Every structure is written in structure tokens, then in C-alpha cells.
Amino acid sequence: MDRVTQRLDLAGKALATLFELAGEPYSKLVRDASIQRFEYSFEAVWKAAQLVLRIRYGMELGAPKPIIRACFENGILDETQTRLALAMTDHRNLTSHTYNEVLAEEIFAAIPAYRELMAAWLTNLAAS
């Protein structure tokens, strides 16, 4: 298995753990676990995108937002997905502040859309 395939597989496994919580009834424990799984799923997905861009497109980028923009420029993400991915990055950067109940609820409410976006992003990366 090549490095890209391994990285995509790892990201898919991380994201699967986030999907596992999708049907659970709401509790603060489920909320907090979802936020933590969102954190590491996001990290795995953008790093998979980074590797795809480096190996398949010859692009050296080192941070999530430039990687998201490059995915848009190369047809991996569409405009709507790109806007959501940039917002997702902002939420990811705030996850260390989820002791703030309002912020934790805001991030948790956005996770269903982020799950679907990350799944589509991985599918598009694999097809690119």
C-alpha cells in the first residue's frame, strides 16, 4: 500500500470513529467525545489532503487553510465545500476552549455537516 493510500485509510478510520457517535442520544459526554473525535478526524483529513497535494500535484503546503484553498483550485472541493471547510478549520482552532459551554454547543451543532464534508473530501482525494 502506498503512502497516500495509507494516509487516506488512516483518515477514514479516524472519521469512522466520529460517525460512530452520530446516533447516540445527546449528553455532555457524547458532545465532548464528538468534539475530541472531530479534532483528530480533522487533523487526519487535512494531513491526508496535504500528502495528496504534495505527491499527486507537486504542491508543498503546511497549514490547513492553504491546503483547503489548493483543494478548491484543483477541483477536489467545490466552492460550498471550501467555505464550509474554512469554517471547520476555525472551529477546530477553537476546540481547546470547549470549557465554554456556548462554544462547545456551537461546535457540536456543526459536527454533522463537518462529518459529511470530511467524508466527501476523503472520497474526492481518493479519486483525484
C-alpha atoms as a PDB file:
ATOM      1  CA  MET A   1       0.000   0.000   0.000  1.00  0.00           C
ATOM      2  CA  ASP A   2       1.466   3.387  -0.958  1.00  0.00           C
ATOM      3  CA  ARG A   3       1.743   6.345   1.423  1.00  0.00           C
ATOM      4  CA  VAL A   4      -1.261   8.190   0.020  1.00  0.00           C
ATOM      5  CA  THR A   5      -3.491   5.151   0.311  1.00  0.00           C
ATOM      6  CA  GLN A   6      -2.265   4.545   3.869  1.00  0.00           C
ATOM      7  CA  ARG A   7      -2.902   8.166   4.871  1.00  0.00           C
ATOM      8  CA  LEU A   8      -6.374   8.154   3.310  1.00  0.00           C
ATOM      9  CA  ASP A   9      -7.163   4.878   5.069  1.00  0.00           C
ATOM     10  CA  LEU A  10      -5.990   6.255   8.407  1.00  0.00           C
ATOM     11  CA  ALA A  11      -8.104   9.380   7.944  1.00  0.00           C
ATOM     12  CA  GLY A  12     -11.109   7.242   7.037  1.00  0.00           C
ATOM     13  CA  LYS A  13     -10.685   5.196  10.205  1.00  0.00           C
ATOM     14  CA  ALA A  14     -10.429   8.340  12.318  1.00  0.00           C
ATOM     15  CA  LEU A  15     -13.560   9.742  10.688  1.00  0.00           C
ATOM     16  CA  ALA A  16     -15.400   6.451  11.238  1.00  0.00           C
ATOM     17  CA  THR A  17     -14.992   6.948  14.992  1.00  0.00           C
ATOM     18  CA  LEU A  18     -16.755  10.307  14.678  1.00  0.00           C
ATOM     19  CA  PHE A  19     -19.591   8.693  12.704  1.00  0.00           C
ATOM     20  CA  GLU A  20     -19.957   6.082  15.491  1.00  0.00           C
ATOM     21  CA  LEU A  21     -21.273   8.794  17.805  1.00  0.00           C
ATOM     22  CA  ALA A  22     -23.800  10.164  15.307  1.00  0.00           C
ATOM     23  CA  GLY A  23     -26.728   8.104  16.582  1.00  0.00           C
ATOM     24  CA  GLU A  24     -26.022   8.460  20.269  1.00  0.00           C
ATOM     25  CA  PRO A  25     -28.526  10.400  22.376  1.00  0.00           C
ATOM     26  CA  TYR A  26     -27.309  13.811  23.452  1.00  0.00           C
ATOM     27  CA  SER A  27     -25.317  14.159  26.641  1.00  0.00           C
ATOM     28  CA  LYS A  28     -22.371  16.337  27.586  1.00  0.00           C
ATOM     29  CA  LEU A  29     -20.207  13.235  27.462  1.00  0.00           C
ATOM     30  CA  VAL A  30     -21.283  12.490  23.873  1.00  0.00           C
ATOM     31  CA  ARG A  31     -20.818  16.161  22.979  1.00  0.00           C
ATOM     32  CA  ASP A  32     -17.306  16.269  24.387  1.00  0.00           C
ATOM     33  CA  ALA A  33     -16.342  12.917  22.845  1.00  0.00           C
ATOM     34  CA  SER A  34     -17.672  14.118  19.494  1.00  0.00           C
ATOM     35  CA  ILE A  35     -15.608  17.286  19.711  1.00  0.00           C
ATOM     36  CA  GLN A  36     -12.475  15.319  20.510  1.00  0.00           C
ATOM     37  CA  ARG A  37     -13.114  12.898  17.651  1.00  0.00           C
ATOM     38  CA  PHE A  38     -13.791  15.876  15.385  1.00  0.00           C
ATOM     39  CA  GLU A  39     -10.374  17.271  16.349  1.00  0.00           C
ATOM     40  CA  TYR A  40      -8.386  14.200  15.407  1.00  0.00           C
ATOM     41  CA  SER A  41     -10.534  13.419  12.366  1.00  0.00           C
ATOM     42  CA  PHE A  42      -9.954  16.919  11.040  1.00  0.00           C
ATOM     43  CA  GLU A  43      -6.209  16.570  11.621  1.00  0.00           C
ATOM     44  CA  ALA A  44      -6.113  13.232   9.792  1.00  0.00           C
ATOM     45  CA  VAL A  45      -8.155  14.520   6.833  1.00  0.00           C
ATOM     46  CA  TRP A  46      -6.236  17.737   6.218  1.00  0.00           C
ATOM     47  CA  LYS A  47      -2.929  15.888   6.553  1.00  0.00           C
ATOM     48  CA  ALA A  48      -4.162  13.335   4.006  1.00  0.00           C
ATOM     49  CA  ALA A  49      -5.023  16.235   1.707  1.00  0.00           C
ATOM     50  CA  GLN A  50      -1.559  17.688   2.308  1.00  0.00           C
ATOM     51  CA  LEU A  51       0.070  14.433   1.196  1.00  0.00           C
ATOM     52  CA  VAL A  52      -2.180  14.092  -1.866  1.00  0.00           C
ATOM     53  CA  LEU A  53      -1.360  17.642  -2.901  1.00  0.00           C
ATOM     54  CA  ARG A  54       2.360  17.035  -2.426  1.00  0.00           C
ATOM     55  CA  ILE A  55       2.574  13.680  -4.208  1.00  0.00           C
ATOM     56  CA  ARG A  56      -0.061  13.998  -6.917  1.00  0.00           C
ATOM     57  CA  TYR A  57       0.021  17.759  -7.569  1.00  0.00           C
ATOM     58  CA  GLY A  58       3.574  18.748  -6.570  1.00  0.00           C
ATOM     59  CA  MET A  59       2.368  21.314  -4.037  1.00  0.00           C
ATOM     60  CA  GLU A  60       4.186  21.915  -0.750  1.00  0.00           C
ATOM     61  CA  LEU A  61       1.759  23.429   1.731  1.00  0.00           C
ATOM     62  CA  GLY A  62       1.943  23.342   5.504  1.00  0.00           C
ATOM     63  CA  ALA A  63      -1.303  24.543   7.043  1.00  0.00           C
ATOM     64  CA  PRO A  64      -4.990  23.616   6.737  1.00  0.00           C
ATOM     65  CA  LYS A  65      -6.361  26.781   5.118  1.00  0.00           C
ATOM     66  CA  PRO A  66      -3.866  26.904   2.218  1.00  0.00           C
ATOM     67  CA  ILE A  67      -4.444  23.171   1.723  1.00  0.00           C
ATOM     68  CA  ILE A  68      -8.208  23.695   1.591  1.00  0.00           C
ATOM     69  CA  ARG A  69      -7.783  26.507  -0.945  1.00  0.00           C
ATOM     70  CA  ALA A  70      -5.481  24.317  -3.041  1.00  0.00           C
ATOM     71  CA  CYS A  71      -8.055  21.527  -2.958  1.00  0.00           C
ATOM     72  CA  PHE A  72     -10.589  24.000  -4.333  1.00  0.00           C
ATOM     73  CA  GLU A  73      -8.171  25.210  -7.030  1.00  0.00           C
ATOM     74  CA  ASN A  74      -7.551  21.600  -8.098  1.00  0.00           C
ATOM     75  CA  GLY A  75     -11.220  20.578  -8.164  1.00  0.00           C
ATOM     76  CA  ILE A  76     -11.083  18.368  -5.085  1.00  0.00           C
ATOM     77  CA  LEU A  77     -13.526  20.604  -3.204  1.00  0.00           C
ATOM     78  CA  ASP A  78     -16.241  22.793  -4.707  1.00  0.00           C
ATOM     79  CA  GLU A  79     -16.911  26.357  -3.574  1.00  0.00           C
ATOM     80  CA  THR A  80     -19.567  25.421  -0.996  1.00  0.00           C
ATOM     81  CA  GLN A  81     -17.363  22.677   0.454  1.00  0.00           C
ATOM     82  CA  THR A  82     -14.417  25.066   0.572  1.00  0.00           C
ATOM     83  CA  ARG A  83     -16.353  27.680   2.528  1.00  0.00           C
ATOM     84  CA  LEU A  84     -17.526  25.037   4.993  1.00  0.00           C
ATOM     85  CA  ALA A  85     -14.012  23.590   5.283  1.00  0.00           C
ATOM     86  CA  LEU A  86     -12.596  27.024   6.108  1.00  0.00           C
ATOM     87  CA  ALA A  87     -15.274  27.477   8.803  1.00  0.00           C
ATOM     88  CA  MET A  88     -14.482  23.970  10.055  1.00  0.00           C
ATOM     89  CA  THR A  89     -10.836  24.993  10.413  1.00  0.00           C
ATOM     90  CA  ASP A  90     -11.849  27.969  12.521  1.00  0.00           C
ATOM     91  CA  HIS A  91     -13.942  25.711  14.750  1.00  0.00           C
ATOM     92  CA  ARG A  92     -11.068  23.237  15.036  1.00  0.00           C
ATOM     93  CA  ASN A  93      -8.832  26.062  16.208  1.00  0.00           C
ATOM     94  CA  LEU A  94     -11.325  26.853  18.983  1.00  0.00           C
ATOM     95  CA  THR A  95     -11.771  23.328  20.319  1.00  0.00           C
ATOM     96  CA  SER A  96      -9.296  23.874  23.143  1.00  0.00           C
ATOM     97  CA  HIS A  97     -11.823  26.381  24.527  1.00  0.00           C
ATOM     98  CA  THR A  98     -14.753  23.988  24.779  1.00  0.00           C
ATOM     99  CA  TYR A  99     -14.890  24.508  28.522  1.00  0.00           C
ATOM    100  CA  ASN A 100     -17.014  27.441  27.303  1.00  0.00           C
ATOM    101  CA  GLU A 101     -20.456  25.787  27.153  1.00  0.00           C
ATOM    102  CA  VAL A 102     -21.787  28.105  24.435  1.00  0.00           C
ATOM    103  CA  LEU A 103     -18.801  27.429  22.200  1.00  0.00           C
ATOM    104  CA  ALA A 104     -18.950  23.682  22.870  1.00  0.00           C
ATOM    105  CA  GLU A 105     -22.605  23.595  21.846  1.00  0.00           C
ATOM    106  CA  GLU A 106     -21.873  25.668  18.729  1.00  0.00           C
ATOM    107  CA  ILE A 107     -19.098  23.325  17.599  1.00  0.00           C
ATOM    108  CA  PHE A 108     -21.142  20.229  18.433  1.00  0.00           C
ATOM    109  CA  ALA A 109     -24.075  21.559  16.381  1.00  0.00           C
ATOM    110  CA  ALA A 110     -21.795  21.964  13.355  1.00  0.00           C
ATOM    111  CA  ILE A 111     -20.275  18.476  13.563  1.00  0.00           C
ATOM    112  CA  PRO A 112     -22.917  16.676  11.431  1.00  0.00           C
ATOM    113  CA  ALA A 113     -22.145  18.960   8.473  1.00  0.00           C
ATOM    114  CA  TYR A 114     -18.408  18.626   9.121  1.00  0.00           C
ATOM    115  CA  ARG A 115     -18.645  14.811   9.216  1.00  0.00           C
ATOM    116  CA  GLU A 116     -20.306  14.766   5.823  1.00  0.00           C
ATOM    117  CA  LEU A 117     -17.834  17.267   4.417  1.00  0.00           C
ATOM    118  CA  MET A 118     -14.829  15.266   5.613  1.00  0.00           C
ATOM    119  CA  ALA A 119     -16.307  12.074   4.145  1.00  0.00           C
ATOM    120  CA  ALA A 120     -16.808  13.776   0.768  1.00  0.00           C
ATOM    121  CA  TRP A 121     -13.330  15.322   0.959  1.00  0.00           C
ATOM    122  CA  LEU A 122     -11.750  11.905   1.515  1.00  0.00           C
ATOM    123  CA  THR A 123     -13.740  10.403  -1.340  1.00  0.00           C
ATOM    124  CA  ASN A 124     -12.627  13.213  -3.637  1.00  0.00           C
ATOM    125  CA  LEU A 125      -8.999  12.884  -2.513  1.00  0.00           C
ATOM    126  CA  ALA A 126      -9.045   9.157  -3.259  1.00  0.00           C
ATOM    127  CA  ALA A 127     -10.472   9.835  -6.722  1.00  0.00           C
ATOM    128  CA  SER A 128      -8.013  12.619  -7.560  1.00  0.00           C
END
